[in-house]
Structure formats: structure tokens, C-alpha cells
Amino acid sequence: MRARYSSAEPTSPTGRPNAATSTPGIVAGSIFTFALTLGDYITPLLVGGTGSTFIGNVVYTNVGVAGNVPFAAAFALVPVVVMAIYLAVAKRLGAFEAL
């Protein structure tokens, strides 16, 4: 914000501290958002109906209706792996040092 009000470029010395101080907050907020949606299986069914193809709906259908538990377990692992990769990248970039 300071960089925009002072007519400076975002990469100028006044823009760099803003990016450095806001990055941990953005990472923490996105982690909370994505971590809470990992176990969300009922809401997509209520919001999207039975015709939607959210990950939760696919897992629920394969466990409850089709009885295909191995596929459901493998498919449920997809968001966990995506979140693990995201956390590894955030840790590598140093986003957890300020927390």
C-alpha cells in the first residue's frame, strides 16, 4: 500500500518490505482455508446436489454406493498430497519463520 500511495514501483525499496511482511499472513490464511476443506464431504452434496463431481462426492459414492474402497482411499489422498506439497513449498520459501 505504501508503494502505491508514494507512486513507487512494487519492486522498489518501499514495496519489498510490504511483500515480506504480508507473505506469512497470506500463507497462514491459505493453509487454514485449505486444511479445513480437506474433510468436507457433506457440504458439496448439499450445495452442488448429486450431479456434482467434487472430490468429497466421488469418495462418498465409491465408499457408500459402489463399495470401491481402494479407489475411494486413493482418490481421498489427492487433496492431502496437494496440501503436503503446498506446505513443503511454503516451508522452503521461509513462510513459517515469522509465525
C-alpha atoms as a PDB file:
ATOM      1  CA  MET A   1       0.000   0.000   0.000  1.00  0.00           C
ATOM      2  CA  ARG A   2       2.770   2.432   0.837  1.00  0.00           C
ATOM      3  CA  ALA A   3       4.350   1.858  -2.554  1.00  0.00           C
ATOM      4  CA  ARG A   4       1.137   2.681  -4.379  1.00  0.00           C
ATOM      5  CA  TYR A   5       0.490   5.840  -2.364  1.00  0.00           C
ATOM      6  CA  SER A   6       4.034   7.074  -2.806  1.00  0.00           C
ATOM      7  CA  SER A   7       3.935   6.386  -6.589  1.00  0.00           C
ATOM      8  CA  ALA A   8       6.716   3.806  -6.262  1.00  0.00           C
ATOM      9  CA  GLU A   9       7.027   0.581  -8.190  1.00  0.00           C
ATOM     10  CA  PRO A  10       6.117  -2.640  -6.304  1.00  0.00           C
ATOM     11  CA  THR A  11       9.739  -3.791  -6.606  1.00  0.00           C
ATOM     12  CA  SER A  12      11.135  -0.579  -5.164  1.00  0.00           C
ATOM     13  CA  PRO A  13      12.615  -0.478  -1.644  1.00  0.00           C
ATOM     14  CA  THR A  14       9.274   0.646  -0.204  1.00  0.00           C
ATOM     15  CA  GLY A  15       7.415  -2.196  -1.903  1.00  0.00           C
ATOM     16  CA  ARG A  16       9.718  -5.004  -0.762  1.00  0.00           C
ATOM     17  CA  PRO A  17       9.000  -4.655   2.983  1.00  0.00           C
ATOM     18  CA  ASN A  18       5.278  -4.806   2.305  1.00  0.00           C
ATOM     19  CA  ALA A  19       5.617  -8.072   0.418  1.00  0.00           C
ATOM     20  CA  ALA A  20       7.949  -9.500   3.047  1.00  0.00           C
ATOM     21  CA  THR A  21       5.628  -8.706   5.934  1.00  0.00           C
ATOM     22  CA  SER A  22       2.401  -9.794   4.263  1.00  0.00           C
ATOM     23  CA  THR A  23       3.623 -13.157   2.899  1.00  0.00           C
ATOM     24  CA  PRO A  24       3.405 -15.101   6.206  1.00  0.00           C
ATOM     25  CA  GLY A  25      -0.146 -13.899   6.755  1.00  0.00           C
ATOM     26  CA  ILE A  26      -1.220 -14.880   3.258  1.00  0.00           C
ATOM     27  CA  VAL A  27       0.368 -18.315   3.620  1.00  0.00           C
ATOM     28  CA  ALA A  28      -1.192 -18.877   7.060  1.00  0.00           C
ATOM     29  CA  GLY A  29      -4.623 -17.846   5.805  1.00  0.00           C
ATOM     30  CA  SER A  30      -4.438 -20.117   2.797  1.00  0.00           C
ATOM     31  CA  ILE A  31      -3.282 -23.048   4.955  1.00  0.00           C
ATOM     32  CA  PHE A  32      -6.254 -22.591   7.292  1.00  0.00           C
ATOM     33  CA  THR A  33      -8.622 -22.345   4.337  1.00  0.00           C
ATOM     34  CA  PHE A  34      -7.374 -25.438   2.515  1.00  0.00           C
ATOM     35  CA  ALA A  35      -6.877 -27.542   5.663  1.00  0.00           C
ATOM     36  CA  LEU A  36     -10.481 -27.017   6.723  1.00  0.00           C
ATOM     37  CA  THR A  37     -11.798 -28.143   3.349  1.00  0.00           C
ATOM     38  CA  LEU A  38      -9.898 -31.455   3.342  1.00  0.00           C
ATOM     39  CA  GLY A  39     -12.571 -33.238   5.365  1.00  0.00           C
ATOM     40  CA  ASP A  40     -15.539 -31.526   3.771  1.00  0.00           C
ATOM     41  CA  TYR A  41     -17.701 -34.292   2.308  1.00  0.00           C
ATOM     42  CA  ILE A  42     -21.254 -33.278   3.232  1.00  0.00           C
ATOM     43  CA  THR A  43     -21.325 -29.642   2.088  1.00  0.00           C
ATOM     44  CA  PRO A  44     -20.662 -30.332  -1.638  1.00  0.00           C
ATOM     45  CA  LEU A  45     -23.522 -32.822  -1.622  1.00  0.00           C
ATOM     46  CA  LEU A  46     -25.871 -30.263  -0.098  1.00  0.00           C
ATOM     47  CA  VAL A  47     -24.688 -27.338  -2.228  1.00  0.00           C
ATOM     48  CA  GLY A  48     -23.971 -28.985  -5.552  1.00  0.00           C
ATOM     49  CA  GLY A  49     -26.508 -31.800  -5.492  1.00  0.00           C
ATOM     50  CA  THR A  50     -25.934 -35.360  -6.612  1.00  0.00           C
ATOM     51  CA  GLY A  51     -24.799 -34.382 -10.115  1.00  0.00           C
ATOM     52  CA  SER A  52     -21.697 -32.506  -8.964  1.00  0.00           C
ATOM     53  CA  THR A  53     -18.271 -34.096  -9.110  1.00  0.00           C
ATOM     54  CA  PHE A  54     -16.453 -32.708  -6.089  1.00  0.00           C
ATOM     55  CA  ILE A  55     -13.778 -34.897  -4.538  1.00  0.00           C
ATOM     56  CA  GLY A  56     -15.974 -35.488  -1.494  1.00  0.00           C
ATOM     57  CA  ASN A  57     -18.873 -36.658  -3.661  1.00  0.00           C
ATOM     58  CA  VAL A  58     -16.682 -39.101  -5.581  1.00  0.00           C
ATOM     59  CA  VAL A  59     -15.260 -40.568  -2.368  1.00  0.00           C
ATOM     60  CA  TYR A  60     -18.709 -40.817  -0.775  1.00  0.00           C
ATOM     61  CA  THR A  61     -20.180 -42.503  -3.852  1.00  0.00           C
ATOM     62  CA  ASN A  62     -17.355 -45.029  -4.128  1.00  0.00           C
ATOM     63  CA  VAL A  63     -17.449 -45.962  -0.449  1.00  0.00           C
ATOM     64  CA  GLY A  64     -21.192 -45.958   0.155  1.00  0.00           C
ATOM     65  CA  VAL A  65     -22.806 -46.921  -3.131  1.00  0.00           C
ATOM     66  CA  ALA A  66     -20.213 -48.691  -5.257  1.00  0.00           C
ATOM     67  CA  GLY A  67     -18.241 -50.295  -2.425  1.00  0.00           C
ATOM     68  CA  ASN A  68     -14.968 -49.452  -4.160  1.00  0.00           C
ATOM     69  CA  VAL A  69     -12.999 -48.593  -1.029  1.00  0.00           C
ATOM     70  CA  PRO A  70      -9.478 -48.820  -2.558  1.00  0.00           C
ATOM     71  CA  PHE A  71     -10.343 -46.266  -5.263  1.00  0.00           C
ATOM     72  CA  ALA A  72     -12.025 -44.007  -2.710  1.00  0.00           C
ATOM     73  CA  ALA A  73      -8.966 -44.169  -0.446  1.00  0.00           C
ATOM     74  CA  ALA A  74      -6.623 -43.349  -3.322  1.00  0.00           C
ATOM     75  CA  PHE A  75      -8.846 -40.514  -4.514  1.00  0.00           C
ATOM     76  CA  ALA A  76      -9.133 -39.081  -0.989  1.00  0.00           C
ATOM     77  CA  LEU A  77      -5.349 -38.968  -0.823  1.00  0.00           C
ATOM     78  CA  VAL A  78      -5.175 -36.427  -3.680  1.00  0.00           C
ATOM     79  CA  PRO A  79      -6.035 -33.298  -1.597  1.00  0.00           C
ATOM     80  CA  VAL A  80      -3.750 -34.483   1.196  1.00  0.00           C
ATOM     81  CA  VAL A  81      -0.826 -34.769  -1.234  1.00  0.00           C
ATOM     82  CA  VAL A  82      -1.615 -31.364  -2.749  1.00  0.00           C
ATOM     83  CA  MET A  83      -1.666 -29.823   0.733  1.00  0.00           C
ATOM     84  CA  ALA A  84       1.621 -31.539   1.662  1.00  0.00           C
ATOM     85  CA  ILE A  85       3.289 -30.170  -1.465  1.00  0.00           C
ATOM     86  CA  TYR A  86       1.924 -26.699  -0.705  1.00  0.00           C
ATOM     87  CA  LEU A  87       3.241 -26.851   2.867  1.00  0.00           C
ATOM     88  CA  ALA A  88       6.658 -28.035   1.662  1.00  0.00           C
ATOM     89  CA  VAL A  89       6.886 -25.146  -0.810  1.00  0.00           C
ATOM     90  CA  ALA A  90       5.769 -22.655   1.852  1.00  0.00           C
ATOM     91  CA  LYS A  91       8.349 -24.007   4.283  1.00  0.00           C
ATOM     92  CA  ARG A  92      11.071 -23.837   1.658  1.00  0.00           C
ATOM     93  CA  LEU A  93      10.221 -20.209   0.927  1.00  0.00           C
ATOM     94  CA  GLY A  94      10.520 -19.422   4.641  1.00  0.00           C
ATOM     95  CA  ALA A  95       6.893 -18.516   5.279  1.00  0.00           C
ATOM     96  CA  PHE A  96       6.868 -20.249   8.684  1.00  0.00           C
ATOM     97  CA  GLU A  97       9.853 -18.416  10.113  1.00  0.00           C
ATOM     98  CA  ALA A  98       7.782 -15.412  11.172  1.00  0.00           C
ATOM     99  CA  LEU A  99       4.964 -17.474  12.725  1.00  0.00           C
END
